[in-house]
C-alpha atoms as a PDB file:
ATOM      1  CA  MET A   1     -35.925  -9.251-198.336  1.00  0.00           C
ATOM      2  CA  GLY A   2     -36.089 -13.423-198.367  1.00  0.00           C
ATOM      3  CA  ARG A   3     -33.028 -13.328-195.493  1.00  0.00           C
ATOM      4  CA  LEU A   4     -35.537 -10.949-193.456  1.00  0.00           C
ATOM      5  CA  LEU A   5     -38.176 -13.226-194.483  1.00  0.00           C
ATOM      6  CA  VAL A   6     -36.304 -16.460-193.702  1.00  0.00           C
ATOM      7  CA  MET A   7     -34.846 -15.280-190.457  1.00  0.00           C
ATOM      8  CA  VAL A   8     -38.631 -13.654-189.014  1.00  0.00           C
ATOM      9  CA  VAL A   9     -39.950 -17.356-189.858  1.00  0.00           C
ATOM     10  CA  SER A  10     -37.311 -18.766-188.571  1.00  0.00           C
ATOM     11  CA  LEU A  11     -37.937 -17.386-185.278  1.00  0.00           C
ATOM     12  CA  VAL A  12     -41.639 -17.364-185.129  1.00  0.00           C
ATOM     13  CA  LEU A  13     -41.209 -21.693-185.392  1.00  0.00           C
ATOM     14  CA  ALA A  14     -38.797 -21.121-182.346  1.00  0.00           C
ATOM     15  CA  GLY A  15     -40.360 -19.383-180.528  1.00  0.00           C
ATOM     16  CA  TYR A  16     -43.316 -22.074-181.200  1.00  0.00           C
ATOM     17  CA  GLY A  17     -41.251 -25.245-180.105  1.00  0.00           C
ATOM     18  CA  THR A  18     -40.651 -23.581-177.236  1.00  0.00           C
ATOM     19  CA  ALA A  19     -44.359 -22.826-175.965  1.00  0.00           C
ATOM     20  CA  ALA A  20     -45.359 -26.017-177.535  1.00  0.00           C
ATOM     21  CA  ALA A  21     -42.795 -28.165-175.579  1.00  0.00           C
ATOM     22  CA  GLN A  22     -43.519 -26.270-172.344  1.00  0.00           C
ATOM     23  CA  ILE A  23     -47.125 -25.854-171.978  1.00  0.00           C
ATOM     24  CA  VAL A  24     -47.793 -26.365-168.493  1.00  0.00           C
ATOM     25  CA  ASP A  25     -45.413 -25.719-165.808  1.00  0.00           C
ATOM     26  CA  ILE A  26     -46.413 -27.359-162.045  1.00  0.00           C
ATOM     27  CA  GLU A  27     -43.440 -26.675-159.762  1.00  0.00           C
ATOM     28  CA  GLY A  28     -43.030 -26.468-155.927  1.00  0.00           C
ATOM     29  CA  ARG A  29     -41.532 -24.195-154.330  1.00  0.00           C
ATOM     30  CA  TYR A  30     -39.875 -24.157-150.020  1.00  0.00           C
ATOM     31  CA  TRP A  31     -38.856 -20.824-149.024  1.00  0.00           C
ATOM     32  CA  PHE A  32     -36.842 -19.962-145.722  1.00  0.00           C
ATOM     33  CA  THR A  33     -37.599 -16.927-144.361  1.00  0.00           C
ATOM     34  CA  ASP A  34     -36.431 -14.518-141.820  1.00  0.00           C
ATOM     35  CA  LEU A  35     -39.777 -12.271-140.935  1.00  0.00           C
ATOM     36  CA  ASP A  36     -39.932  -8.730-139.502  1.00  0.00           C
ATOM     37  CA  ALA A  37     -43.428  -7.412-138.894  1.00  0.00           C
ATOM     38  CA  SER A  38     -45.246  -5.497-136.773  1.00  0.00           C
ATOM     39  CA  ALA A  39     -48.945  -4.865-135.998  1.00  0.00           C
ATOM     40  CA  LYS A  40     -51.633  -2.878-134.497  1.00  0.00           C
ATOM     41  CA  VAL A  41     -55.812  -4.579-134.208  1.00  0.00           C
ATOM     42  CA  LYS A  42     -58.341  -2.202-132.121  1.00  0.00           C
ATOM     43  CA  SER A  43     -61.630  -3.206-131.577  1.00  0.00           C
ATOM     44  CA  GLY A  44     -64.298  -0.504-130.557  1.00  0.00           C
ATOM     45  CA  SER A  45     -63.184   2.503-128.155  1.00  0.00           C
ATOM     46  CA  ALA A  46     -60.165   0.195-127.525  1.00  0.00           C
ATOM     47  CA  PRO A  47     -56.710   1.184-129.277  1.00  0.00           C
ATOM     48  CA  GLY A  48     -55.093  -1.467-129.414  1.00  0.00           C
ATOM     49  CA  THR A  49     -51.345  -1.513-128.771  1.00  0.00           C
ATOM     50  CA  ARG A  50     -48.378  -1.315-131.903  1.00  0.00           C
ATOM     51  CA  LEU A  51     -46.835  -4.870-131.413  1.00  0.00           C
ATOM     52  CA  ASP A  52     -43.267  -6.125-132.475  1.00  0.00           C
ATOM     53  CA  LEU A  53     -44.071  -9.857-133.553  1.00  0.00           C
ATOM     54  CA  ASP A  54     -40.064 -10.748-132.812  1.00  0.00           C
ATOM     55  CA  SER A  55     -39.674  -9.139-129.841  1.00  0.00           C
ATOM     56  CA  ASP A  56     -43.130  -8.665-128.444  1.00  0.00           C
ATOM     57  CA  LEU A  57     -44.464 -12.047-129.093  1.00  0.00           C
ATOM     58  CA  GLY A  58     -40.850 -14.051-130.178  1.00  0.00           C
ATOM     59  CA  ILE A  59     -42.511 -14.738-133.350  1.00  0.00           C
ATOM     60  CA  ASP A  60     -39.184 -14.443-135.764  1.00  0.00           C
ATOM     61  CA  GLY A  61     -39.095 -16.676-138.442  1.00  0.00           C
ATOM     62  CA  GLY A  62     -40.601 -19.560-140.514  1.00  0.00           C
ATOM     63  CA  ASN A  63     -40.649 -21.462-143.519  1.00  0.00           C
ATOM     64  CA  LEU A  64     -43.092 -21.372-146.625  1.00  0.00           C
ATOM     65  CA  PRO A  65     -44.678 -24.081-148.999  1.00  0.00           C
ATOM     66  CA  GLU A  66     -45.586 -22.925-152.162  1.00  0.00           C
ATOM     67  CA  VAL A  67     -47.343 -24.599-155.083  1.00  0.00           C
ATOM     68  CA  ARG A  68     -47.004 -22.467-158.973  1.00  0.00           C
ATOM     69  CA  LEU A  69     -48.857 -23.955-162.480  1.00  0.00           C
ATOM     70  CA  THR A  70     -47.821 -21.739-164.925  1.00  0.00           C
ATOM     71  CA  ILE A  71     -49.693 -22.715-168.171  1.00  0.00           C
ATOM     72  CA  ALA A  72     -48.576 -20.962-172.033  1.00  0.00           C
ATOM     73  CA  THR A  73     -51.103 -19.273-173.409  1.00  0.00           C
ATOM     74  CA  GLY A  74     -49.004 -17.737-176.574  1.00  0.00           C
ATOM     75  CA  LEU A  75     -45.981 -17.666-178.496  1.00  0.00           C
ATOM     76  CA  ASN A  76     -44.471 -15.354-175.675  1.00  0.00           C
ATOM     77  CA  SER A  77     -47.215 -14.897-173.285  1.00  0.00           C
ATOM     78  CA  LYS A  78     -48.685 -17.119-169.881  1.00  0.00           C
ATOM     79  CA  ILE A  79     -50.833 -17.406-167.146  1.00  0.00           C
ATOM     80  CA  ARG A  80     -49.495 -17.886-163.695  1.00  0.00           C
ATOM     81  CA  PHE A  81     -51.704 -19.617-160.534  1.00  0.00           C
ATOM     82  CA  ALA A  82     -50.024 -19.435-157.581  1.00  0.00           C
ATOM     83  CA  TYR A  83     -50.108 -19.849-153.796  1.00  0.00           C
ATOM     84  CA  THR A  84     -48.027 -19.789-150.610  1.00  0.00           C
ATOM     85  CA  HIS A  85     -49.380 -20.869-147.136  1.00  0.00           C
ATOM     86  CA  GLY A  86     -47.284 -19.585-143.932  1.00  0.00           C
ATOM     87  CA  ASP A  87     -47.808 -20.524-139.958  1.00  0.00           C
ATOM     88  CA  PHE A  88     -45.601 -18.946-137.604  1.00  0.00           C
ATOM     89  CA  GLU A  89     -45.844 -19.419-133.930  1.00  0.00           C
ATOM     90  CA  GLY A  90     -44.336 -17.518-130.765  1.00  0.00           C
ATOM     91  CA  ASP A  91     -44.864 -18.430-127.166  1.00  0.00           C
ATOM     92  CA  LYS A  92     -43.307 -15.568-124.706  1.00  0.00           C
ATOM     93  CA  THR A  93     -44.079 -13.835-121.022  1.00  0.00           C
ATOM     94  CA  ILE A  94     -44.428 -10.173-122.543  1.00  0.00           C
ATOM     95  CA  GLU A  95     -42.926  -7.119-120.689  1.00  0.00           C
ATOM     96  CA  ARG A  96     -45.984  -5.203-120.908  1.00  0.00           C
ATOM     97  CA  SER A  97     -49.632  -4.948-120.955  1.00  0.00           C
ATOM     98  CA  VAL A  98     -50.948  -4.739-124.968  1.00  0.00           C
ATOM     99  CA  GLN A  99     -54.200  -4.934-126.109  1.00  0.00           C
ATOM    100  CA  PHE A 100     -55.167  -6.548-129.313  1.00  0.00           C
ATOM    101  CA  ALA A 101     -58.384  -6.546-130.787  1.00  0.00           C
ATOM    102  CA  GLY A 102     -59.956  -5.454-127.661  1.00  0.00           C
ATOM    103  CA  THR A 103     -58.467  -8.039-124.875  1.00  0.00           C
ATOM    104  CA  THR A 104     -55.808  -6.483-123.037  1.00  0.00           C
ATOM    105  CA  PHE A 105     -52.977  -8.839-122.033  1.00  0.00           C
ATOM    106  CA  THR A 106     -51.637  -8.052-118.613  1.00  0.00           C
ATOM    107  CA  ALA A 107     -47.985  -7.754-118.114  1.00  0.00           C
ATOM    108  CA  THR A 108     -46.280 -10.591-117.308  1.00  0.00           C
ATOM    109  CA  SER A 109     -48.195 -12.909-118.880  1.00  0.00           C
ATOM    110  CA  ARG A 110     -47.326 -16.363-120.796  1.00  0.00           C
ATOM    111  CA  VAL A 111     -48.639 -15.214-124.573  1.00  0.00           C
ATOM    112  CA  GLU A 112     -48.267 -17.815-127.207  1.00  0.00           C
ATOM    113  CA  SER A 113     -49.265 -16.500-130.428  1.00  0.00           C
ATOM    114  CA  GLU A 114     -50.078 -18.048-133.845  1.00  0.00           C
ATOM    115  CA  MET A 115     -50.273 -15.770-137.272  1.00  0.00           C
ATOM    116  CA  GLU A 116     -51.303 -17.859-140.420  1.00  0.00           C
ATOM    117  CA  LEU A 117     -50.892 -16.292-143.787  1.00  0.00           C
ATOM    118  CA  HIS A 118     -52.562 -17.043-147.020  1.00  0.00           C
ATOM    119  CA  TYR A 119     -51.001 -15.687-150.300  1.00  0.00           C
ATOM    120  CA  GLY A 120     -52.652 -16.378-153.405  1.00  0.00           C
ATOM    121  CA  ARG A 121     -51.706 -14.910-156.860  1.00  0.00           C
ATOM    122  CA  ILE A 122     -53.360 -15.061-160.386  1.00  0.00           C
ATOM    123  CA  GLY A 123     -50.852 -13.393-163.488  1.00  0.00           C
ATOM    124  CA  TRP A 124     -50.451 -12.824-167.199  1.00  0.00           C
ATOM    125  CA  ALA A 125     -46.838 -12.328-168.089  1.00  0.00           C
ATOM    126  CA  TRP A 126     -45.424 -11.182-171.923  1.00  0.00           C
ATOM    127  CA  GLN A 127     -42.085 -11.405-173.140  1.00  0.00           C
ATOM    128  CA  PHE A 128     -40.530  -9.888-176.208  1.00  0.00           C
ATOM    129  CA  ILE A 129     -37.539 -11.604-177.108  1.00  0.00           C
ATOM    130  CA  ALA A 130     -34.682  -9.269-176.309  1.00  0.00           C
ATOM    131  CA  VAL A 131     -31.952 -11.256-177.880  1.00  0.00           C
ATOM    132  CA  PRO A 132     -33.031 -14.433-179.390  1.00  0.00           C
ATOM    133  CA  GLY A 133     -32.870 -17.193-177.799  1.00  0.00           C
ATOM    134  CA  ILE A 134     -30.872 -15.521-175.456  1.00  0.00           C
ATOM    135  CA  PHE A 135     -32.599 -12.656-173.423  1.00  0.00           C
ATOM    136  CA  LYS A 136     -36.503 -11.754-172.383  1.00  0.00           C
ATOM    137  CA  ILE A 137     -38.223  -9.231-171.476  1.00  0.00           C
ATOM    138  CA  GLY A 138     -41.969  -8.040-170.304  1.00  0.00           C
ATOM    139  CA  PRO A 139     -44.695  -6.681-168.034  1.00  0.00           C
ATOM    140  CA  LEU A 140     -46.142  -8.528-165.647  1.00  0.00           C
ATOM    141  CA  LEU A 141     -49.517  -8.279-164.544  1.00  0.00           C
ATOM    142  CA  GLU A 142     -51.428  -9.892-161.345  1.00  0.00           C
ATOM    143  CA  LEU A 143     -54.039  -9.698-158.854  1.00  0.00           C
ATOM    144  CA  LYS A 144     -52.813 -10.629-155.688  1.00  0.00           C
ATOM    145  CA  GLY A 145     -55.109 -11.807-152.474  1.00  0.00           C
ATOM    146  CA  LEU A 146     -53.616 -11.916-149.143  1.00  0.00           C
ATOM    147  CA  VAL A 147     -55.261 -12.807-145.622  1.00  0.00           C
ATOM    148  CA  ILE A 148     -53.482 -12.763-142.190  1.00  0.00           C
ATOM    149  CA  ASP A 149     -55.027 -14.261-139.948  1.00  0.00           C
ATOM    150  CA  ALA A 150     -53.760 -13.757-136.176  1.00  0.00           C
ATOM    151  CA  SER A 151     -54.543 -14.961-132.382  1.00  0.00           C
ATOM    152  CA  LEU A 152     -52.951 -14.658-129.157  1.00  0.00           C
ATOM    153  CA  ARG A 153     -53.422 -17.038-126.064  1.00  0.00           C
ATOM    154  CA  THR A 154     -52.357 -16.957-122.046  1.00  0.00           C
ATOM    155  CA  ARG A 155     -50.981 -19.721-120.616  1.00  0.00           C
ATOM    156  CA  GLY A 156     -50.804 -20.380-117.162  1.00  0.00           C
ATOM    157  CA  ALA A 157     -52.179 -20.931-113.191  1.00  0.00           C
ATOM    158  CA  GLY A 158     -55.055 -18.315-113.703  1.00  0.00           C
ATOM    159  CA  ALA A 159     -58.114 -18.024-116.789  1.00  0.00           C
ATOM    160  CA  SER A 160     -56.985 -17.728-119.758  1.00  0.00           C
ATOM    161  CA  VAL A 161     -57.639 -14.920-122.199  1.00  0.00           C
ATOM    162  CA  HIS A 162     -58.011 -15.914-125.892  1.00  0.00           C
ATOM    163  CA  ASP A 163     -58.357 -13.066-128.844  1.00  0.00           C
ATOM    164  CA  SER A 164     -58.049 -13.699-133.226  1.00  0.00           C
ATOM    165  CA  ALA A 165     -58.245 -11.264-135.258  1.00  0.00           C
ATOM    166  CA  VAL A 166     -58.250 -11.267-139.523  1.00  0.00           C
ATOM    167  CA  LEU A 167     -57.072  -8.769-142.433  1.00  0.00           C
ATOM    168  CA  PRO A 168     -57.834  -9.884-145.802  1.00  0.00           C
ATOM    169  CA  MET A 169     -57.296  -8.048-148.484  1.00  0.00           C
ATOM    170  CA  ALA A 170     -57.063  -7.898-152.912  1.00  0.00           C
ATOM    171  CA  PHE A 171     -55.698  -6.111-155.267  1.00  0.00           C
ATOM    172  CA  PRO A 172     -54.268  -5.775-158.979  1.00  0.00           C
ATOM    173  CA  THR A 173     -50.577  -5.123-159.571  1.00  0.00           C
ATOM    174  CA  VAL A 174     -47.777  -4.741-161.592  1.00  0.00           C
ATOM    175  CA  GLY A 175     -44.189  -5.602-162.718  1.00  0.00           C
ATOM    176  CA  ALA A 176     -41.487  -6.898-165.171  1.00  0.00           C
ATOM    177  CA  MET A 177     -40.487 -10.151-165.451  1.00  0.00           C
ATOM    178  CA  ALA A 178     -37.113 -11.257-167.595  1.00  0.00           C
ATOM    179  CA  ASN A 179     -35.105 -14.192-167.801  1.00  0.00           C
ATOM    180  CA  VAL A 180     -31.249 -15.144-169.337  1.00  0.00           C
ATOM    181  CA  THR A 181     -30.837 -18.454-170.948  1.00  0.00           C
ATOM    182  CA  PRO A 182     -26.720 -18.777-171.789  1.00  0.00           C
ATOM    183  CA  VAL A 183     -27.183 -22.245-172.296  1.00  0.00           C
ATOM    184  CA  LYS A 184     -29.863 -24.554-173.037  1.00  0.00           C
ATOM    185  CA  TRP A 185     -29.971 -25.959-169.842  1.00  0.00           C
ATOM    186  CA  LEU A 186     -29.478 -22.991-167.795  1.00  0.00           C
ATOM    187  CA  ASP A 187     -31.911 -20.236-166.888  1.00  0.00           C
ATOM    188  CA  VAL A 188     -31.290 -17.505-165.495  1.00  0.00           C
ATOM    189  CA  PHE A 189     -34.520 -15.213-164.214  1.00  0.00           C
ATOM    190  CA  ALA A 190     -35.866 -11.937-162.248  1.00  0.00           C
ATOM    191  CA  GLU A 191     -39.005 -10.629-161.439  1.00  0.00           C
ATOM    192  CA  VAL A 192     -40.966  -7.962-159.303  1.00  0.00           C
ATOM    193  CA  SER A 193     -43.926  -6.862-159.136  1.00  0.00           C
ATOM    194  CA  GLY A 194     -46.097  -4.038-156.259  1.00  0.00           C
ATOM    195  CA  ILE A 195     -48.726  -1.358-156.162  1.00  0.00           C
ATOM    196  CA  PRO A 196     -48.595   0.998-153.620  1.00  0.00           C
ATOM    197  CA  PHE A 197     -52.765   2.366-151.930  1.00  0.00           C
ATOM    198  CA  GLY A 198     -51.493   5.523-150.689  1.00  0.00           C
ATOM    199  CA  ASP A 199     -52.652   5.682-146.894  1.00  0.00           C
ATOM    200  CA  LEU A 200     -53.821   1.544-147.128  1.00  0.00           C
ATOM    201  CA  GLY A 201     -50.207   0.498-147.825  1.00  0.00           C
ATOM    202  CA  HIS A 202     -48.463  -1.216-150.702  1.00  0.00           C
ATOM    203  CA  ILE A 203     -47.263  -4.294-151.742  1.00  0.00           C
ATOM    204  CA  VAL A 204     -43.535  -5.476-153.042  1.00  0.00           C
ATOM    205  CA  ASP A 205     -43.379  -9.359-153.998  1.00  0.00           C
ATOM    206  CA  ALA A 206     -39.489  -9.527-156.275  1.00  0.00           C
ATOM    207  CA  GLU A 207     -37.380 -12.153-156.646  1.00  0.00           C
ATOM    208  CA  ALA A 208     -33.773 -13.732-158.182  1.00  0.00           C
ATOM    209  CA  GLY A 209     -32.854 -17.119-158.872  1.00  0.00           C
ATOM    210  CA  VAL A 210     -30.393 -20.276-161.214  1.00  0.00           C
ATOM    211  CA  ARG A 211     -32.544 -22.549-163.176  1.00  0.00           C
ATOM    212  CA  VAL A 212     -31.008 -25.738-163.724  1.00  0.00           C
ATOM    213  CA  ILE A 213     -32.883 -27.714-166.421  1.00  0.00           C
ATOM    214  CA  PRO A 214     -31.481 -31.669-166.856  1.00  0.00           C
ATOM    215  CA  LEU A 215     -34.160 -33.374-169.146  1.00  0.00           C
ATOM    216  CA  GLN A 216     -37.076 -31.242-171.090  1.00  0.00           C
ATOM    217  CA  PHE A 217     -39.641 -31.946-168.427  1.00  0.00           C
ATOM    218  CA  LEU A 218     -37.485 -31.153-165.408  1.00  0.00           C
ATOM    219  CA  SER A 219     -35.774 -28.578-163.214  1.00  0.00           C
ATOM    220  CA  PHE A 220     -34.829 -27.136-160.628  1.00  0.00           C
ATOM    221  CA  SER A 221     -34.558 -23.978-158.941  1.00  0.00           C
ATOM    222  CA  ALA A 222     -32.742 -21.669-156.452  1.00  0.00           C
ATOM    223  CA  GLY A 223     -32.718 -18.462-155.864  1.00  0.00           C
ATOM    224  CA  TYR A 224     -33.803 -15.165-153.194  1.00  0.00           C
ATOM    225  CA  ARG A 225     -37.805 -13.770-153.156  1.00  0.00           C
ATOM    226  CA  VAL A 226     -38.492 -10.913-150.243  1.00  0.00           C
ATOM    227  CA  LEU A 227     -42.379  -9.931-150.310  1.00  0.00           C
ATOM    228  CA  ASP A 228     -43.171  -6.568-148.728  1.00  0.00           C
ATOM    229  CA  VAL A 229     -47.140  -5.861-147.583  1.00  0.00           C
ATOM    230  CA  ARG A 230     -48.349  -3.186-145.099  1.00  0.00           C
ATOM    231  CA  LEU A 231     -52.011  -3.123-145.265  1.00  0.00           C
ATOM    232  CA  GLY A 232     -54.022  -0.584-142.913  1.00  0.00           C
ATOM    233  CA  LYS A 233     -57.353   0.817-142.550  1.00  0.00           C
ATOM    234  CA  ASP A 234     -59.221   2.804-139.247  1.00  0.00           C
ATOM    235  CA  ASP A 235     -55.964   2.165-137.391  1.00  0.00           C
ATOM    236  CA  ASN A 236     -55.782  -1.295-137.912  1.00  0.00           C
ATOM    237  CA  PHE A 237     -52.463  -2.041-139.183  1.00  0.00           C
ATOM    238  CA  ALA A 238     -49.969  -5.265-140.615  1.00  0.00           C
ATOM    239  CA  ARG A 239     -47.010  -4.892-141.927  1.00  0.00           C
ATOM    240  CA  LEU A 240     -44.689  -8.078-142.617  1.00  0.00           C
ATOM    241  CA  ASN A 241     -41.256  -8.435-144.533  1.00  0.00           C
ATOM    242  CA  LEU A 242     -40.343 -11.871-145.467  1.00  0.00           C
ATOM    243  CA  ALA A 243     -36.512 -12.800-146.954  1.00  0.00           C
ATOM    244  CA  GLY A 244     -34.744 -15.161-147.757  1.00  0.00           C
ATOM    245  CA  PRO A 245     -33.352 -17.904-150.066  1.00  0.00           C
ATOM    246  CA  PHE A 246     -35.530 -20.497-151.564  1.00  0.00           C
ATOM    247  CA  LEU A 247     -35.386 -24.101-153.448  1.00  0.00           C
ATOM    248  CA  GLY A 248     -37.723 -25.273-156.538  1.00  0.00           C
ATOM    249  CA  ALA A 249     -37.969 -27.807-158.912  1.00  0.00           C
ATOM    250  CA  SER A 250     -40.793 -27.902-161.887  1.00  0.00           C
ATOM    251  CA  LEU A 251     -42.186 -31.146-164.294  1.00  0.00           C
ATOM    252  CA  ARG A 252     -43.198 -29.543-167.468  1.00  0.00           C
ATOM    253  CA  PHE A 253     -45.720 -31.059-170.005  1.00  0.00           C
END
């Protein structure tokens, strides 16, 4: 019994020391993505045309900055705030007439397009220690907010035609987060969260990577991330898949 008590107290003190040393973590990331996306936006009696953003509009990817703020709330729990912004552009002569948000863009028109992505999250994670000092895993609960702002504009000798549409959505998600720390200066991490909405769509956000910690207050990370989203309502829909590697750096206080 005495040995068991000593072990429990030692684990608690070790966990407390880690939490105390990492109360706040501020991380910046840069995500290099390939984009696979499509959308249809109708208005009134105009049915809208399903558009592939790459083949129809020439939008094929971009680089997304992200900022994360993580605050420890206990020995094994934390709250995380995150915001990702994306700005994608295309410029292409379309091969067919399309309807977007009630406006018709005729075939052979040169169309400049833009899609702006705002993706915010607030989440809580609790990880129990599966292997002391090496492996921990636990649930991740998040509230995600996503806004897609898309616009199309013609360019050329004739009159300009322009229209835009905004698709906002907010939803709770569930998932899991895991960390493996084979040595003090190296952390291997993975997480996934998402939820299906039935006819309204789904969202899945997953990542895995490694974090190198050369100093107690400084770390660098690299990994791979996938964000898959489909939003639909009243025959309007937007589907996007963003995937690619990321690089990051963080300061810990």
